[in-house]
Amino acid sequence: MSTRVTVTGTGTPLLSPDRAGAGCLVSIDDLHLQFDVGRWTMQRLASLDVTPWDLDAIFLTHYHSDHLLGLQEIALTHWTAAFRDDSDWLPVVAPLGHTTAFCDRMLDAWDADLAVRSLHNHREPVPRIDVRGFAVPEAPTEVWSSGDGSVRVLAGPVRHEPVEGAVGYRIETSDGVVAVSGDTLVCDELRPLFTGADVVVVEAMRMDVINERPPHLRYITEYHADTRLIGALCAELEIPTVLLTHMIPAPETPEQKQAFVDEVRSGGFEGELVVCDDLDGAVIADGAVRTSVGSSFPD
């Protein structure tokens, strides 16, 4: 058994030809859990030979568009290309409020498309998406588990105000623990999500660079994670492996990637650190964590 973590998208709301929108796939053997679904998520999943029908559940961290743009595509493809009316329902697990409201309304604009397709495929024009909302807990709480109970997903609050109800996730498997921060400040709420994790997937911002922008463009520093504080927290919690994603500003050169490394290291973190491109990740197996570049994982 192994647990594989693949960052399916490292991008932000700013368009990049090389970075899909925010997302992370956690695969435990043939069980596939997708966390956030930014633009081009389905193409990245296809690169991993994972189809919408292979997904066992999708988990959403919050309702910002760069984390949701790919959800409609997956939902529509899951229905239009299934070729039968008895396909399994795809669970979408999300915090109650604006995020579940988006899920409930996201296919309204496609009513005519679904209706006309149903004339030909003779299936109910209802994509089989099962939205499962949960109240944001005060501390990490189980929101999903596999049928045999060997995999648990816990959600906990994070700090992304003025966004309401943002969460991060903690995935517990027999191999180890993966934590996915979602979008957040470095805050005390991350501690119970990260503690004991073998792999942490965390967004990162170079505050000094953003603070060089004009004042009206600095507001994003108010709700994203400072590289140096990431380093300090992960060092304190003795996290062995950190994968940086959703990087602001997105690094385009080796020197810019190294700047992210240097800033995280300056916070005290000495473990394995990857400044991710799309499809980079890590695998937990046999009590060890190995990082990987691209979609080719170590055996």
Protein backbone atom coordinates (compact mmCIF):
# COMPACT_ATOMS: atom_id res chain seq x y z
CA MET A 1 0.00 0.00 0.00
CA SER A 2 1.17 3.54 -0.70
CA THR A 3 -0.21 7.07 -0.44
CA ARG A 4 0.65 9.35 -3.36
CA VAL A 5 0.29 13.11 -3.29
CA THR A 6 0.21 14.90 -6.64
CA VAL A 7 -0.16 18.66 -6.89
CA THR A 8 -2.48 18.88 -9.90
CA GLY A 9 -2.39 22.66 -10.03
CA THR A 10 -0.01 25.22 -8.56
CA GLY A 11 -1.58 28.32 -10.05
CA THR A 12 -3.41 31.37 -8.75
CA PRO A 13 -6.16 33.54 -10.27
CA LEU A 14 -3.51 34.94 -12.61
CA LEU A 15 -3.35 32.95 -15.85
CA SER A 16 -0.19 30.95 -16.51
CA PRO A 17 0.47 28.65 -19.49
CA ASP A 18 2.29 26.18 -17.23
CA ARG A 19 0.26 26.20 -14.02
CA ALA A 20 -3.24 24.78 -13.69
CA GLY A 21 -5.58 26.13 -11.04
CA ALA A 22 -5.30 25.04 -7.44
CA GLY A 23 -5.66 21.35 -6.74
CA CYS A 24 -4.09 18.28 -5.15
CA LEU A 25 -4.78 14.58 -5.72
CA VAL A 26 -4.22 12.10 -2.89
CA SER A 27 -4.26 8.50 -4.09
CA ILE A 28 -4.19 5.51 -1.77
CA ASP A 29 -3.65 2.62 -4.17
CA ASP A 30 -6.79 2.81 -6.37
CA LEU A 31 -8.64 5.28 -4.12
CA HIS A 32 -8.48 8.82 -5.52
CA LEU A 33 -9.36 11.95 -3.54
CA GLN A 34 -9.16 15.38 -5.21
CA PHE A 35 -8.73 18.53 -3.11
CA ASP A 36 -9.89 21.67 -4.96
CA VAL A 37 -10.47 21.78 -8.70
CA GLY A 38 -9.07 24.88 -10.35
CA ARG A 39 -8.91 25.44 -14.11
CA TRP A 40 -7.45 22.56 -16.18
CA THR A 41 -7.74 20.08 -13.30
CA MET A 42 -9.29 17.44 -15.56
CA GLN A 43 -6.40 17.69 -18.04
CA ARG A 44 -3.89 17.24 -15.22
CA LEU A 45 -5.83 14.24 -13.94
CA ALA A 46 -5.82 12.78 -17.44
CA SER A 47 -2.03 13.04 -17.41
CA LEU A 48 -2.15 10.72 -14.40
CA ASP A 49 -4.62 8.34 -16.11
CA VAL A 50 -7.31 9.37 -13.63
CA THR A 51 -10.78 10.02 -15.06
CA PRO A 52 -13.77 11.70 -13.39
CA TRP A 53 -15.18 8.18 -12.77
CA ASP A 54 -12.02 7.17 -10.94
CA LEU A 55 -12.49 9.89 -8.33
CA ASP A 56 -13.93 8.62 -5.06
CA ALA A 57 -14.60 12.11 -3.72
CA ILE A 58 -13.81 15.78 -4.27
CA PHE A 59 -13.09 18.11 -1.35
CA LEU A 60 -13.34 21.90 -1.54
CA THR A 61 -11.52 24.33 0.74
CA HIS A 62 -13.46 27.53 -0.05
CA TYR A 63 -15.42 29.35 -2.72
CA HIS A 64 -12.74 31.39 -4.52
CA SER A 65 -13.02 30.87 -8.27
CA ASP A 66 -9.42 29.73 -8.79
CA HIS A 67 -10.21 26.69 -6.62
CA LEU A 68 -13.53 25.85 -8.33
CA LEU A 69 -13.33 26.60 -12.06
CA GLY A 70 -12.70 22.96 -12.96
CA LEU A 71 -15.62 21.56 -10.96
CA GLN A 72 -18.27 22.22 -13.60
CA GLU A 73 -16.13 20.48 -16.21
CA ILE A 74 -15.67 17.40 -14.07
CA ALA A 75 -19.37 17.29 -13.18
CA LEU A 76 -20.51 17.66 -16.80
CA THR A 77 -17.99 15.16 -18.14
CA HIS A 78 -18.87 12.70 -15.39
CA TRP A 79 -22.43 12.75 -16.81
CA THR A 80 -22.07 13.32 -20.56
CA ALA A 81 -19.37 10.73 -21.15
CA ALA A 82 -20.61 8.05 -18.76
CA PHE A 83 -22.77 6.40 -21.48
CA ARG A 84 -25.13 4.97 -18.92
CA ASP A 85 -27.63 6.15 -16.35
CA ASP A 86 -26.43 3.99 -13.47
CA SER A 87 -23.00 5.55 -12.91
CA ASP A 88 -22.02 6.13 -9.32
CA TRP A 89 -22.70 9.47 -7.72
CA LEU A 90 -19.58 11.56 -7.16
CA PRO A 91 -19.39 12.99 -3.63
CA VAL A 92 -18.36 16.65 -3.37
CA VAL A 93 -17.52 17.46 0.24
CA ALA A 94 -17.50 21.15 1.14
CA PRO A 95 -18.04 23.60 3.99
CA LEU A 96 -21.62 24.78 4.29
CA GLY A 97 -22.37 28.31 3.13
CA HIS A 98 -21.13 30.02 0.00
CA THR A 99 -19.13 26.98 -1.12
CA THR A 100 -22.06 24.55 -1.06
CA ALA A 101 -24.30 27.25 -2.54
CA PHE A 102 -21.96 27.45 -5.53
CA CYS A 103 -22.10 23.67 -5.93
CA ASP A 104 -25.90 23.70 -5.82
CA ARG A 105 -26.14 26.40 -8.52
CA MET A 106 -23.12 25.72 -10.71
CA LEU A 107 -24.94 23.69 -13.38
CA ASP A 108 -28.01 25.93 -13.71
CA ALA A 109 -26.53 27.63 -16.77
CA TRP A 110 -26.25 24.24 -18.47
CA ASP A 111 -29.94 23.29 -18.23
CA ALA A 112 -30.53 23.58 -21.98
CA ASP A 113 -27.37 21.64 -22.82
CA LEU A 114 -28.29 18.84 -20.43
CA ALA A 115 -31.87 18.71 -21.70
CA VAL A 116 -30.95 18.42 -25.36
CA ARG A 117 -28.30 15.79 -24.66
CA SER A 118 -30.82 13.76 -22.72
CA LEU A 119 -33.01 13.58 -25.84
CA HIS A 120 -30.25 11.59 -27.50
CA ASN A 121 -28.73 9.62 -24.67
CA HIS A 122 -32.10 8.85 -23.03
CA ARG A 123 -30.81 9.60 -19.55
CA GLU A 124 -32.11 11.92 -16.90
CA PRO A 125 -30.46 15.35 -17.39
CA VAL A 126 -29.13 15.29 -13.84
CA PRO A 127 -25.35 15.04 -13.36
CA ARG A 128 -24.69 12.61 -10.55
CA ILE A 129 -22.97 14.98 -8.13
CA ASP A 130 -23.69 14.44 -4.46
CA VAL A 131 -22.94 17.65 -2.56
CA ARG A 132 -22.20 16.87 1.08
CA GLY A 133 -21.96 19.99 3.18
CA PHE A 134 -20.54 20.18 6.67
CA ALA A 135 -20.51 22.89 9.31
CA VAL A 136 -16.98 24.20 9.77
CA PRO A 137 -15.79 22.67 13.04
CA GLU A 138 -13.68 24.40 15.67
CA ALA A 139 -11.01 21.69 15.39
CA PRO A 140 -10.24 19.03 12.77
CA THR A 141 -13.20 16.69 12.51
CA GLU A 142 -13.88 13.73 10.24
CA VAL A 143 -15.97 14.65 7.19
CA TRP A 144 -15.39 11.53 5.05
CA SER A 145 -14.05 8.01 5.38
CA SER A 146 -13.54 5.08 3.03
CA GLY A 147 -15.90 2.16 3.18
CA ASP A 148 -13.47 0.07 5.20
CA GLY A 149 -12.46 2.97 7.42
CA SER A 150 -8.79 2.76 6.41
CA VAL A 151 -8.78 6.33 5.09
CA ARG A 152 -10.16 9.30 6.98
CA VAL A 153 -10.43 12.91 5.88
CA LEU A 154 -10.72 15.59 8.55
CA ALA A 155 -11.52 19.25 7.97
CA GLY A 156 -10.47 22.13 10.17
CA PRO A 157 -10.82 25.91 10.04
CA VAL A 158 -8.17 28.15 8.52
CA ARG A 159 -7.77 31.94 8.32
CA HIS A 160 -8.61 33.36 4.90
CA GLU A 161 -10.83 36.27 5.88
CA PRO A 162 -12.84 37.94 4.45
CA VAL A 163 -13.64 34.51 2.98
CA GLU A 164 -16.17 32.81 5.26
CA GLY A 165 -15.85 29.16 6.18
CA ALA A 166 -12.46 28.36 4.62
CA VAL A 167 -10.99 25.00 5.65
CA GLY A 168 -7.92 22.85 5.30
CA TYR A 169 -7.87 19.07 5.24
CA ARG A 170 -5.99 16.28 6.97
CA ILE A 171 -5.91 12.89 5.24
CA GLU A 172 -5.06 9.94 7.48
CA THR A 173 -4.13 6.61 5.88
CA SER A 174 -2.36 3.48 7.03
CA ASP A 175 0.80 4.84 5.34
CA GLY A 176 0.80 8.19 7.07
CA VAL A 177 -0.76 11.64 7.14
CA VAL A 178 -1.11 14.32 4.47
CA ALA A 179 -2.20 17.88 5.27
CA VAL A 180 -3.57 20.31 2.67
CA SER A 181 -3.71 23.90 3.89
CA GLY A 182 -6.02 25.49 1.36
CA ASP A 183 -5.64 29.27 1.25
CA THR A 184 -4.77 30.74 4.62
CA LEU A 185 -2.54 32.85 6.77
CA VAL A 186 -0.01 30.93 8.84
CA CYS A 187 -2.09 30.61 12.00
CA ASP A 188 -2.67 28.53 15.10
CA GLU A 189 -5.54 26.77 13.35
CA LEU A 190 -3.00 25.02 11.12
CA ARG A 191 -1.29 23.32 14.05
CA PRO A 192 -3.79 20.48 14.59
CA LEU A 193 -4.04 19.94 10.82
CA PHE A 194 -0.25 19.73 10.40
CA THR A 195 0.84 18.00 13.61
CA GLY A 196 2.20 14.55 12.87
CA ALA A 197 1.83 14.97 9.11
CA ASP A 198 4.32 13.22 6.83
CA VAL A 199 3.58 15.57 3.91
CA VAL A 200 2.23 19.11 4.09
CA VAL A 201 0.89 20.82 0.95
CA VAL A 202 0.79 24.54 1.68
CA GLU A 203 0.30 27.74 -0.26
CA ALA A 204 3.15 30.26 -0.07
CA MET A 205 3.66 33.98 -0.61
CA ARG A 206 6.87 36.03 -0.73
CA MET A 207 5.66 38.98 1.31
CA ASP A 208 8.63 41.23 0.60
CA VAL A 209 8.05 40.99 -3.15
CA ILE A 210 4.33 41.72 -2.86
CA ASN A 211 5.00 44.66 -0.53
CA GLU A 212 7.01 46.28 -3.31
CA ARG A 213 3.80 46.67 -5.30
CA PRO A 214 1.65 49.82 -5.14
CA PRO A 215 -0.40 49.98 -1.92
CA HIS A 216 -3.70 49.06 -3.58
CA LEU A 217 -2.16 45.76 -4.81
CA ARG A 218 -0.82 44.62 -1.43
CA TYR A 219 -4.14 43.48 0.06
CA ILE A 220 -3.41 39.83 -0.74
CA THR A 221 -0.77 39.80 2.00
CA GLU A 222 -3.65 39.97 4.48
CA TYR A 223 -4.85 36.42 3.85
CA HIS A 224 -2.03 34.30 2.44
CA ALA A 225 0.85 32.33 3.98
CA ASP A 226 4.23 34.01 4.55
CA THR A 227 7.14 31.80 3.43
CA ARG A 228 9.20 32.51 6.55
CA LEU A 229 6.31 31.74 8.88
CA ILE A 230 5.68 28.49 6.98
CA GLY A 231 9.29 27.57 7.65
CA ALA A 232 9.01 28.39 11.34
CA LEU A 233 5.77 26.45 11.87
CA CYS A 234 6.89 23.36 9.95
CA ALA A 235 10.23 23.38 11.76
CA GLU A 236 8.50 23.59 15.13
CA LEU A 237 6.15 20.73 14.21
CA GLU A 238 9.03 18.69 12.75
CA ILE A 239 7.27 18.16 9.42
CA PRO A 240 9.51 15.94 7.25
CA THR A 241 8.26 17.02 3.80
CA VAL A 242 6.71 20.28 2.59
CA LEU A 243 5.30 20.88 -0.89
CA LEU A 244 4.82 24.54 -1.78
CA THR A 245 1.95 25.40 -4.12
CA HIS A 246 -0.26 28.38 -5.10
CA MET A 247 2.90 30.47 -4.98
CA ILE A 248 2.67 34.24 -5.15
CA PRO A 249 4.35 35.51 -7.23
CA ALA A 250 4.59 32.35 -9.31
CA PRO A 251 8.28 31.46 -9.79
CA GLU A 252 9.31 31.43 -13.44
CA THR A 253 13.07 30.85 -13.15
CA PRO A 254 15.35 28.62 -11.07
CA GLU A 255 16.47 31.72 -9.20
CA GLN A 256 12.90 32.60 -8.27
CA LYS A 257 12.26 29.04 -7.08
CA GLN A 258 15.42 29.23 -4.98
CA ALA A 259 14.14 32.44 -3.41
CA PHE A 260 11.12 30.52 -2.08
CA VAL A 261 13.45 27.86 -0.72
CA ASP A 262 15.71 30.43 0.93
CA GLU A 263 12.84 32.21 2.63
CA VAL A 264 11.29 28.99 3.98
CA ARG A 265 14.73 27.88 5.20
CA SER A 266 15.22 31.23 6.90
CA GLY A 267 12.24 30.34 9.10
CA GLY A 268 14.18 27.33 10.37
CA PHE A 269 12.79 24.48 8.27
CA GLU A 270 15.44 21.87 7.38
CA GLY A 271 13.29 19.04 6.02
CA GLU A 272 12.54 18.04 2.42
CA LEU A 273 11.16 21.01 0.50
CA VAL A 274 9.72 21.11 -3.04
CA VAL A 275 8.75 24.31 -4.85
CA CYS A 276 6.17 22.54 -6.97
CA ASP A 277 5.35 22.68 -10.61
CA ASP A 278 2.16 20.96 -11.71
CA LEU A 279 2.29 17.17 -11.17
CA ASP A 280 5.13 17.31 -8.65
CA GLY A 281 4.44 15.48 -5.41
CA ALA A 282 5.45 12.81 -2.95
CA VAL A 283 4.76 9.20 -2.06
CA ILE A 284 4.50 7.72 1.43
CA ALA A 285 5.32 4.02 1.56
CA ASP A 286 7.13 1.61 3.85
CA GLY A 287 7.51 4.29 6.51
CA ALA A 288 9.35 6.71 4.23
CA VAL A 289 8.50 9.75 2.13
CA ARG A 290 9.99 10.26 -1.31
CA THR A 291 9.40 13.34 -3.42
CA SER A 292 8.88 13.30 -7.16
CA VAL A 293 9.08 15.78 -10.03
CA GLY A 294 6.40 15.39 -12.68
CA SER A 295 3.92 12.53 -12.93
CA SER A 296 6.53 9.76 -12.61
CA PHE A 297 6.57 8.49 -9.03
CA PRO A 298 9.27 6.33 -7.48
CA ASP A 299 8.37 2.66 -7.10
